[in-house]
Amino acid sequence: MPKEKTVKKSRQHQAVQKQGINFNKDFGQHILKNPLIVTSMVEKAALRTTDVVLEVGPGTGNMTVKLLEKTKK
């Protein structure tokens, strides 16, 4: 008998859904919640204050905030 997947939803995920934003992991959409991972990704990108960055994809804005702190636009 195949094992059924249980649906895990964090409090943050539920708050995002209340705002009308739905993510579908079947399409590779995930919510990036851990601030340490966001910070690490931005640092590894070696962005400069003169860089212009285009972020593609919907989300909660965690990455956007960190990118704006490091770049011109």
PDB file of N, CA and C in Angstrom:
ATOM      1  N   MET A   1       0.844  -1.179   0.000  1.00  0.00           N
ATOM      2  CA  MET A   1       0.000   0.000   0.000  1.00  0.00           C
ATOM      3  C   MET A   1       0.890   1.243   0.000  1.00  0.00           C
ATOM      4  N   PRO A   2       0.691   2.179  -0.937  1.00  0.00           N
ATOM      5  CA  PRO A   2       1.544   3.382  -0.995  1.00  0.00           C
ATOM      6  C   PRO A   2       1.321   4.285   0.206  1.00  0.00           C
ATOM      7  N   LYS A   3       2.398   4.881   0.610  1.00  0.00           N
ATOM      8  CA  LYS A   3       2.352   5.790   1.761  1.00  0.00           C
ATOM      9  C   LYS A   3       1.764   7.129   1.339  1.00  0.00           C
ATOM     10  N   GLU A   4       0.847   7.634   2.121  1.00  0.00           N
ATOM     11  CA  GLU A   4       0.242   8.935   1.822  1.00  0.00           C
ATOM     12  C   GLU A   4       1.125  10.049   2.348  1.00  0.00           C
ATOM     13  N   LYS A   5       1.247  11.108   1.553  1.00  0.00           N
ATOM     14  CA  LYS A   5       2.013  12.272   1.989  1.00  0.00           C
ATOM     15  C   LYS A   5       1.163  13.101   2.933  1.00  0.00           C
ATOM     16  N   THR A   6       1.768  13.483   4.036  1.00  0.00           N
ATOM     17  CA  THR A   6       1.065  14.378   4.950  1.00  0.00           C
ATOM     18  C   THR A   6       1.413  15.803   4.568  1.00  0.00           C
ATOM     19  N   VAL A   7       0.467  16.670   4.707  1.00  0.00           N
ATOM     20  CA  VAL A   7       0.674  18.065   4.344  1.00  0.00           C
ATOM     21  C   VAL A   7       1.200  18.807   5.557  1.00  0.00           C
ATOM     22  N   LYS A   8       2.423  19.333   5.431  1.00  0.00           N
ATOM     23  CA  LYS A   8       3.012  20.134   6.499  1.00  0.00           C
ATOM     24  C   LYS A   8       2.912  21.596   6.111  1.00  0.00           C
ATOM     25  N   LYS A   9       2.386  22.383   6.988  1.00  0.00           N
ATOM     26  CA  LYS A   9       2.304  23.809   6.717  1.00  0.00           C
ATOM     27  C   LYS A   9       2.782  24.575   7.939  1.00  0.00           C
ATOM     28  N   SER A  10       3.735  25.431   7.723  1.00  0.00           N
ATOM     29  CA  SER A  10       4.230  26.250   8.820  1.00  0.00           C
ATOM     30  C   SER A  10       3.310  27.436   9.026  1.00  0.00           C
ATOM     31  N   ARG A  11       3.494  28.109  10.134  1.00  0.00           N
ATOM     32  CA  ARG A  11       2.695  29.304  10.407  1.00  0.00           C
ATOM     33  C   ARG A  11       2.947  30.372   9.357  1.00  0.00           C
ATOM     34  N   GLN A  12       4.189  30.510   8.912  1.00  0.00           N
ATOM     35  CA  GLN A  12       4.505  31.502   7.881  1.00  0.00           C
ATOM     36  C   GLN A  12       3.808  31.160   6.577  1.00  0.00           C
ATOM     37  N   HIS A  13       3.789  29.888   6.226  1.00  0.00           N
ATOM     38  CA  HIS A  13       3.138  29.472   4.988  1.00  0.00           C
ATOM     39  C   HIS A  13       1.645  29.793   5.044  1.00  0.00           C
ATOM     40  N   GLN A  14       1.020  29.560   6.179  1.00  0.00           N
ATOM     41  CA  GLN A  14      -0.399  29.855   6.325  1.00  0.00           C
ATOM     42  C   GLN A  14      -0.654  31.358   6.225  1.00  0.00           C
ATOM     43  N   ALA A  15       0.240  32.166   6.781  1.00  0.00           N
ATOM     44  CA  ALA A  15       0.086  33.620   6.697  1.00  0.00           C
ATOM     45  C   ALA A  15       0.203  34.094   5.259  1.00  0.00           C
ATOM     46  N   VAL A  16       1.092  33.489   4.490  1.00  0.00           N
ATOM     47  CA  VAL A  16       1.264  33.849   3.082  1.00  0.00           C
ATOM     48  C   VAL A  16       0.017  33.462   2.297  1.00  0.00           C
ATOM     49  N   GLN A  17      -0.540  32.295   2.579  1.00  0.00           N
ATOM     50  CA  GLN A  17      -1.749  31.853   1.888  1.00  0.00           C
ATOM     51  C   GLN A  17      -2.922  32.782   2.159  1.00  0.00           C
ATOM     52  N   LYS A  18      -2.996  33.321   3.368  1.00  0.00           N
ATOM     53  CA  LYS A  18      -4.081  34.250   3.705  1.00  0.00           C
ATOM     54  C   LYS A  18      -4.006  35.517   2.857  1.00  0.00           C
ATOM     55  N   GLN A  19      -2.809  35.851   2.371  1.00  0.00           N
ATOM     56  CA  GLN A  19      -2.625  37.024   1.520  1.00  0.00           C
ATOM     57  C   GLN A  19      -2.936  36.711   0.065  1.00  0.00           C
ATOM     58  N   GLY A  20      -3.315  35.479  -0.218  1.00  0.00           N
ATOM     59  CA  GLY A  20      -3.686  35.107  -1.578  1.00  0.00           C
ATOM     60  C   GLY A  20      -2.545  34.587  -2.430  1.00  0.00           C
ATOM     61  N   ILE A  21      -1.419  34.290  -1.800  1.00  0.00           N
ATOM     62  CA  ILE A  21      -0.263  33.762  -2.529  1.00  0.00           C
ATOM     63  C   ILE A  21      -0.202  32.255  -2.288  1.00  0.00           C
ATOM     64  N   ASN A  22      -0.272  31.478  -3.345  1.00  0.00           N
ATOM     65  CA  ASN A  22      -0.203  30.022  -3.229  1.00  0.00           C
ATOM     66  C   ASN A  22       1.020  29.501  -3.968  1.00  0.00           C
ATOM     67  N   PHE A  23       1.746  28.606  -3.332  1.00  0.00           N
ATOM     68  CA  PHE A  23       2.928  28.003  -3.940  1.00  0.00           C
ATOM     69  C   PHE A  23       2.638  26.547  -4.228  1.00  0.00           C
ATOM     70  N   ASN A  24       3.194  26.028  -5.309  1.00  0.00           N
ATOM     71  CA  ASN A  24       2.977  24.650  -5.705  1.00  0.00           C
ATOM     72  C   ASN A  24       4.332  23.976  -5.848  1.00  0.00           C
ATOM     73  N   LYS A  25       4.682  23.104  -4.909  1.00  0.00           N
ATOM     74  CA  LYS A  25       5.984  22.437  -4.941  1.00  0.00           C
ATOM     75  C   LYS A  25       6.130  21.517  -6.139  1.00  0.00           C
ATOM     76  N   ASP A  26       5.003  21.075  -6.720  1.00  0.00           N
ATOM     77  CA  ASP A  26       5.070  20.238  -7.917  1.00  0.00           C
ATOM     78  C   ASP A  26       5.698  20.992  -9.090  1.00  0.00           C
ATOM     79  N   PHE A  27       5.597  22.324  -9.073  1.00  0.00           N
ATOM     80  CA  PHE A  27       6.194  23.163 -10.112  1.00  0.00           C
ATOM     81  C   PHE A  27       7.550  23.729  -9.688  1.00  0.00           C
ATOM     82  N   GLY A  28       8.071  23.260  -8.556  1.00  0.00           N
ATOM     83  CA  GLY A  28       9.372  23.713  -8.076  1.00  0.00           C
ATOM     84  C   GLY A  28       9.322  25.017  -7.303  1.00  0.00           C
ATOM     85  N   GLN A  29       8.146  25.412  -6.860  1.00  0.00           N
ATOM     86  CA  GLN A  29       8.009  26.654  -6.096  1.00  0.00           C
ATOM     87  C   GLN A  29       8.159  26.349  -4.612  1.00  0.00           C
ATOM     88  N   HIS A  30       9.035  27.095  -3.960  1.00  0.00           N
ATOM     89  CA  HIS A  30       9.287  26.901  -2.537  1.00  0.00           C
ATOM     90  C   HIS A  30       9.394  28.267  -1.864  1.00  0.00           C
ATOM     91  N   ILE A  31       9.097  28.300  -0.582  1.00  0.00           N
ATOM     92  CA  ILE A  31       9.230  29.534   0.181  1.00  0.00           C
ATOM     93  C   ILE A  31      10.577  29.492   0.890  1.00  0.00           C
ATOM     94  N   LEU A  32      11.410  30.479   0.650  1.00  0.00           N
ATOM     95  CA  LEU A  32      12.711  30.585   1.297  1.00  0.00           C
ATOM     96  C   LEU A  32      12.522  31.350   2.598  1.00  0.00           C
ATOM     97  N   LYS A  33      12.601  30.649   3.729  1.00  0.00           N
ATOM     98  CA  LYS A  33      12.267  31.254   5.012  1.00  0.00           C
ATOM     99  C   LYS A  33      13.475  31.501   5.906  1.00  0.00           C
ATOM    100  N   ASN A  34      14.503  30.686   5.782  1.00  0.00           N
ATOM    101  CA  ASN A  34      15.646  30.765   6.685  1.00  0.00           C
ATOM    102  C   ASN A  34      16.516  31.976   6.337  1.00  0.00           C
ATOM    103  N   PRO A  35      16.593  32.966   7.240  1.00  0.00           N
ATOM    104  CA  PRO A  35      17.374  34.175   6.940  1.00  0.00           C
ATOM    105  C   PRO A  35      18.866  33.907   6.771  1.00  0.00           C
ATOM    106  N   LEU A  36      19.390  32.865   7.406  1.00  0.00           N
ATOM    107  CA  LEU A  36      20.813  32.551   7.252  1.00  0.00           C
ATOM    108  C   LEU A  36      21.120  32.065   5.841  1.00  0.00           C
ATOM    109  N   ILE A  37      20.214  31.334   5.242  1.00  0.00           N
ATOM    110  CA  ILE A  37      20.415  30.860   3.865  1.00  0.00           C
ATOM    111  C   ILE A  37      20.335  32.028   2.896  1.00  0.00           C
ATOM    112  N   VAL A  38      19.384  32.926   3.126  1.00  0.00           N
ATOM    113  CA  VAL A  38      19.249  34.109   2.271  1.00  0.00           C
ATOM    114  C   VAL A  38      20.529  34.938   2.334  1.00  0.00           C
ATOM    115  N   THR A  39      20.999  35.196   3.520  1.00  0.00           N
ATOM    116  CA  THR A  39      22.224  35.982   3.702  1.00  0.00           C
ATOM    117  C   THR A  39      23.408  35.298   3.025  1.00  0.00           C
ATOM    118  N   SER A  40      23.521  33.995   3.179  1.00  0.00           N
ATOM    119  CA  SER A  40      24.615  33.244   2.572  1.00  0.00           C
ATOM    120  C   SER A  40      24.566  33.330   1.046  1.00  0.00           C
ATOM    121  N   MET A  41      23.384  33.203   0.478  1.00  0.00           N
ATOM    122  CA  MET A  41      23.245  33.272  -0.983  1.00  0.00           C
ATOM    123  C   MET A  41      23.636  34.644  -1.515  1.00  0.00           C
ATOM    124  N   VAL A  42      23.232  35.698  -0.830  1.00  0.00           N
ATOM    125  CA  VAL A  42      23.551  37.061  -1.266  1.00  0.00           C
ATOM    126  C   VAL A  42      25.055  37.315  -1.147  1.00  0.00           C
ATOM    127  N   GLU A  43      25.669  36.838  -0.062  1.00  0.00           N
ATOM    128  CA  GLU A  43      27.109  37.016   0.107  1.00  0.00           C
ATOM    129  C   GLU A  43      27.890  36.272  -0.976  1.00  0.00           C
ATOM    130  N   LYS A  44      27.470  35.061  -1.313  1.00  0.00           N
ATOM    131  CA  LYS A  44      28.172  34.266  -2.326  1.00  0.00           C
ATOM    132  C   LYS A  44      28.003  34.833  -3.732  1.00  0.00           C
ATOM    133  N   ALA A  45      26.999  35.657  -3.925  1.00  0.00           N
ATOM    134  CA  ALA A  45      26.802  36.286  -5.232  1.00  0.00           C
ATOM    135  C   ALA A  45      27.814  37.393  -5.474  1.00  0.00           C
ATOM    136  N   ALA A  46      28.536  37.826  -4.457  1.00  0.00           N
ATOM    137  CA  ALA A  46      29.577  38.859  -4.566  1.00  0.00           C
ATOM    138  C   ALA A  46      29.044  40.120  -5.249  1.00  0.00           C
ATOM    139  N   LEU A  47      27.903  40.584  -4.795  1.00  0.00           N
ATOM    140  CA  LEU A  47      27.291  41.785  -5.368  1.00  0.00           C
ATOM    141  C   LEU A  47      28.015  43.034  -4.893  1.00  0.00           C
ATOM    142  N   ARG A  48      28.059  44.033  -5.778  1.00  0.00           N
ATOM    143  CA  ARG A  48      28.673  45.316  -5.434  1.00  0.00           C
ATOM    144  C   ARG A  48      27.606  46.397  -5.361  1.00  0.00           C
ATOM    145  N   THR A  49      27.910  47.499  -4.757  1.00  0.00           N
ATOM    146  CA  THR A  49      26.936  48.586  -4.597  1.00  0.00           C
ATOM    147  C   THR A  49      26.547  49.218  -5.920  1.00  0.00           C
ATOM    148  N   THR A  50      27.330  48.971  -6.960  1.00  0.00           N
ATOM    149  CA  THR A  50      27.025  49.542  -8.275  1.00  0.00           C
ATOM    150  C   THR A  50      26.206  48.577  -9.155  1.00  0.00           C
ATOM    151  N   ASP A  51      25.974  47.372  -8.693  1.00  0.00           N
ATOM    152  CA  ASP A  51      25.250  46.368  -9.481  1.00  0.00           C
ATOM    153  C   ASP A  51      23.751  46.654  -9.546  1.00  0.00           C
ATOM    154  N   VAL A  52      23.167  46.286 -10.665  1.00  0.00           N
ATOM    155  CA  VAL A  52      21.717  46.317 -10.841  1.00  0.00           C
ATOM    156  C   VAL A  52      21.272  44.858 -10.928  1.00  0.00           C
ATOM    157  N   VAL A  53      20.299  44.483 -10.099  1.00  0.00           N
ATOM    158  CA  VAL A  53      19.890  43.083 -10.000  1.00  0.00           C
ATOM    159  C   VAL A  53      18.427  42.925 -10.381  1.00  0.00           C
ATOM    160  N   LEU A  54      18.129  41.868 -11.134  1.00  0.00           N
ATOM    161  CA  LEU A  54      16.751  41.516 -11.457  1.00  0.00           C
ATOM    162  C   LEU A  54      16.449  40.184 -10.789  1.00  0.00           C
ATOM    163  N   GLU A  55      15.514  40.200  -9.868  1.00  0.00           N
ATOM    164  CA  GLU A  55      15.096  38.978  -9.189  1.00  0.00           C
ATOM    165  C   GLU A  55      13.811  38.494  -9.846  1.00  0.00           C
ATOM    166  N   VAL A  56      13.809  37.223 -10.251  1.00  0.00           N
ATOM    167  CA  VAL A  56      12.651  36.663 -10.948  1.00  0.00           C
ATOM    168  C   VAL A  56      11.966  35.657 -10.035  1.00  0.00           C
ATOM    169  N   GLY A  57      10.669  35.777  -9.919  1.00  0.00           N
ATOM    170  CA  GLY A  57       9.896  34.797  -9.175  1.00  0.00           C
ATOM    171  C   GLY A  57       9.114  35.430  -8.040  1.00  0.00           C
ATOM    172  N   PRO A  58       7.951  34.870  -7.759  1.00  0.00           N
ATOM    173  CA  PRO A  58       7.156  35.373  -6.652  1.00  0.00           C
ATOM    174  C   PRO A  58       7.743  34.899  -5.330  1.00  0.00           C
ATOM    175  N   GLY A  59       7.387  35.568  -4.319  1.00  0.00           N
ATOM    176  CA  GLY A  59       7.859  35.149  -3.001  1.00  0.00           C
ATOM    177  C   GLY A  59       7.400  36.106  -1.930  1.00  0.00           C
ATOM    178  N   THR A  60       7.967  35.924  -0.764  1.00  0.00           N
ATOM    179  CA  THR A  60       7.579  36.731   0.389  1.00  0.00           C
ATOM    180  C   THR A  60       8.440  37.977   0.556  1.00  0.00           C
ATOM    181  N   GLY A  61       9.481  38.117  -0.257  1.00  0.00           N
ATOM    182  CA  GLY A  61      10.323  39.312  -0.200  1.00  0.00           C
ATOM    183  C   GLY A  61      11.564  39.172   0.644  1.00  0.00           C
ATOM    184  N   ASN A  62      11.819  38.002   1.214  1.00  0.00           N
ATOM    185  CA  ASN A  62      13.003  37.807   2.055  1.00  0.00           C
ATOM    186  C   ASN A  62      14.294  38.049   1.289  1.00  0.00           C
ATOM    187  N   MET A  63      14.361  37.547   0.072  1.00  0.00           N
ATOM    188  CA  MET A  63      15.561  37.723  -0.754  1.00  0.00           C
ATOM    189  C   MET A  63      15.654  39.162  -1.268  1.00  0.00           C
ATOM    190  N   THR A  64      14.533  39.735  -1.653  1.00  0.00           N
ATOM    191  CA  THR A  64      14.504  41.095  -2.206  1.00  0.00           C
ATOM    192  C   THR A  64      15.090  42.103  -1.225  1.00  0.00           C
ATOM    193  N   VAL A  65      14.716  42.000   0.023  1.00  0.00           N
ATOM    194  CA  VAL A  65      15.200  42.936   1.045  1.00  0.00           C
ATOM    195  C   VAL A  65      16.718  42.879   1.154  1.00  0.00           C
ATOM    196  N   LYS A  66      17.269  41.678   1.179  1.00  0.00           N
ATOM    197  CA  LYS A  66      18.731  41.523   1.290  1.00  0.00           C
ATOM    198  C   LYS A  66      19.445  42.006   0.029  1.00  0.00           C
ATOM    199  N   LEU A  67      18.845  41.781  -1.143  1.00  0.00           N
ATOM    200  CA  LEU A  67      19.462  42.248  -2.380  1.00  0.00           C
ATOM    201  C   LEU A  67      19.505  43.769  -2.437  1.00  0.00           C
ATOM    202  N   LEU A  68      18.433  44.402  -1.989  1.00  0.00           N
ATOM    203  CA  LEU A  68      18.380  45.864  -2.020  1.00  0.00           C
ATOM    204  C   LEU A  68      19.381  46.506  -1.063  1.00  0.00           C
ATOM    205  N   GLU A  69      19.719  45.814   0.019  1.00  0.00           N
ATOM    206  CA  GLU A  69      20.720  46.323   0.948  1.00  0.00           C
ATOM    207  C   GLU A  69      22.112  46.349   0.326  1.00  0.00           C
ATOM    208  N   LYS A  70      22.373  45.442  -0.603  1.00  0.00           N
ATOM    209  CA  LYS A  70      23.725  45.295  -1.184  1.00  0.00           C
ATOM    210  C   LYS A  70      23.924  45.996  -2.524  1.00  0.00           C
ATOM    211  N   THR A  71      22.847  46.261  -3.248  1.00  0.00           N
ATOM    212  CA  THR A  71      22.990  46.748  -4.612  1.00  0.00           C
ATOM    213  C   THR A  71      22.409  48.139  -4.815  1.00  0.00           C
ATOM    214  N   LYS A  72      22.714  48.697  -5.987  1.00  0.00           N
ATOM    215  CA  LYS A  72      22.234  50.044  -6.341  1.00  0.00           C
ATOM    216  C   LYS A  72      20.753  50.030  -6.602  1.00  0.00           C
ATOM    217  N   LYS A  73      20.301  49.003  -7.341  1.00  0.00           N
ATOM    218  CA  LYS A  73      18.918  48.981  -7.817  1.00  0.00           C
ATOM    219  C   LYS A  73      18.504  47.559  -8.083  1.00  0.00           C
TER     220      LYS A  73
END
